[in-house]
C-alpha atoms as a PDB file:
ATOM      1  CA  MET A   1       0.000   0.000   0.000  1.00  0.00           C
ATOM      2  CA  ALA A   2       1.312   3.448  -0.941  1.00  0.00           C
ATOM      3  CA  ARG A   3       1.911   6.084   1.722  1.00  0.00           C
ATOM      4  CA  VAL A   4       2.819   9.750   1.872  1.00  0.00           C
ATOM      5  CA  SER A   5       6.303  10.877   2.878  1.00  0.00           C
ATOM      6  CA  TYR A   6       7.209  14.449   3.819  1.00  0.00           C
ATOM      7  CA  GLU A   7      10.948  13.762   4.006  1.00  0.00           C
ATOM      8  CA  LYS A   8      11.524  16.197   1.134  1.00  0.00           C
ATOM      9  CA  LEU A   9       9.807  18.926   3.150  1.00  0.00           C
ATOM     10  CA  TRP A  10      11.943  18.233   6.234  1.00  0.00           C
ATOM     11  CA  ASN A  11      15.064  18.381   4.042  1.00  0.00           C
ATOM     12  CA  LYS A  12      13.870  21.704   2.596  1.00  0.00           C
ATOM     13  CA  LEU A  13      13.467  23.058   6.122  1.00  0.00           C
ATOM     14  CA  LYS A  14      17.044  22.026   6.940  1.00  0.00           C
ATOM     15  CA  GLU A  15      18.323  23.663   3.745  1.00  0.00           C
ATOM     16  CA  ASN A  16      16.585  26.885   4.789  1.00  0.00           C
ATOM     17  CA  ASN A  17      17.802  26.652   8.397  1.00  0.00           C
ATOM     18  CA  MET A  18      14.212  26.338   9.653  1.00  0.00           C
ATOM     19  CA  GLN A  19      12.524  24.295  12.345  1.00  0.00           C
ATOM     20  CA  ARG A  20       9.030  22.826  12.134  1.00  0.00           C
ATOM     21  CA  THR A  21       7.807  25.547  14.496  1.00  0.00           C
ATOM     22  CA  ASP A  22       9.123  28.172  12.066  1.00  0.00           C
ATOM     23  CA  LEU A  23       7.102  26.533   9.295  1.00  0.00           C
ATOM     24  CA  TYR A  24       3.745  26.679  11.043  1.00  0.00           C
ATOM     25  CA  LYS A  25       4.325  30.254  12.191  1.00  0.00           C
ATOM     26  CA  LYS A  26       5.479  31.605   8.823  1.00  0.00           C
ATOM     27  CA  VAL A  27       3.023  29.648   6.678  1.00  0.00           C
ATOM     28  CA  LYS A  28       0.185  30.020   9.198  1.00  0.00           C
ATOM     29  CA  ILE A  29      -0.789  26.376   9.390  1.00  0.00           C
ATOM     30  CA  SER A  30      -1.796  24.458  12.493  1.00  0.00           C
ATOM     31  CA  THR A  31       0.484  22.530  14.801  1.00  0.00           C
ATOM     32  CA  ASN A  32      -1.868  19.611  14.166  1.00  0.00           C
ATOM     33  CA  ALA A  33      -0.959  19.679  10.456  1.00  0.00           C
ATOM     34  CA  ILE A  34       2.753  19.685  11.358  1.00  0.00           C
ATOM     35  CA  ALA A  35       2.185  16.721  13.691  1.00  0.00           C
ATOM     36  CA  LYS A  36       0.319  14.796  10.982  1.00  0.00           C
ATOM     37  CA  MET A  37       3.137  15.411   8.504  1.00  0.00           C
ATOM     38  CA  GLY A  38       5.607  14.265  11.147  1.00  0.00           C
ATOM     39  CA  ARG A  39       3.723  10.956  11.213  1.00  0.00           C
ATOM     40  CA  ASN A  40       3.511  10.865   7.382  1.00  0.00           C
ATOM     41  CA  GLU A  41      -0.273  11.149   7.510  1.00  0.00           C
ATOM     42  CA  ASP A  42      -2.515  12.762   4.921  1.00  0.00           C
ATOM     43  CA  ILE A  43      -3.213  16.480   5.216  1.00  0.00           C
ATOM     44  CA  ARG A  44      -5.417  18.855   3.259  1.00  0.00           C
ATOM     45  CA  VAL A  45      -4.232  19.981  -0.138  1.00  0.00           C
ATOM     46  CA  ASN A  46      -4.696  23.656   0.784  1.00  0.00           C
ATOM     47  CA  ILE A  47      -1.980  23.242   3.435  1.00  0.00           C
ATOM     48  CA  LEU A  48       0.401  21.857   0.829  1.00  0.00           C
ATOM     49  CA  VAL A  49      -0.491  24.783  -1.443  1.00  0.00           C
ATOM     50  CA  LYS A  50       0.422  27.263   1.318  1.00  0.00           C
ATOM     51  CA  ILE A  51       3.757  25.537   1.893  1.00  0.00           C
ATOM     52  CA  CYS A  52       4.507  25.484  -1.842  1.00  0.00           C
ATOM     53  CA  GLU A  53       3.642  29.174  -2.137  1.00  0.00           C
ATOM     54  CA  TYR A  54       5.959  29.989   0.765  1.00  0.00           C
ATOM     55  CA  PHE A  55       8.887  28.050  -0.735  1.00  0.00           C
ATOM     56  CA  ASN A  56       7.941  28.855  -4.340  1.00  0.00           C
ATOM     57  CA  CYS A  57       7.995  25.165  -5.227  1.00  0.00           C
ATOM     58  CA  LYS A  58       5.781  22.329  -6.514  1.00  0.00           C
ATOM     59  CA  PHE A  59       4.083  19.511  -4.608  1.00  0.00           C
ATOM     60  CA  ASP A  60       6.673  16.971  -5.637  1.00  0.00           C
ATOM     61  CA  ASP A  61       9.374  19.174  -4.079  1.00  0.00           C
ATOM     62  CA  ILE A  62       7.886  18.626  -0.611  1.00  0.00           C
ATOM     63  CA  VAL A  63       5.890  15.394  -0.703  1.00  0.00           C
ATOM     64  CA  GLU A  64       6.425  11.942  -2.147  1.00  0.00           C
ATOM     65  CA  ILE A  65       4.225   8.884  -2.570  1.00  0.00           C
ATOM     66  CA  VAL A  66       6.174   5.769  -1.624  1.00  0.00           C
ATOM     67  CA  GLN A  67       5.147   2.178  -2.245  1.00  0.00           C
END
């Protein structure tokens, strides 16, 4: 069964010298969404859109579907 991985997002945070708390404050998303991503759980697409807008990137730059 396929699952979602946010490892690319965590790597992007490291590249930008950011913590997860910085992400939710700057992008204005909930701590619950950060926690879900930390557990590689599904989140709403609008949250991914906000993150992509902040980093000026595409979905596949921050999320990956793994088999």
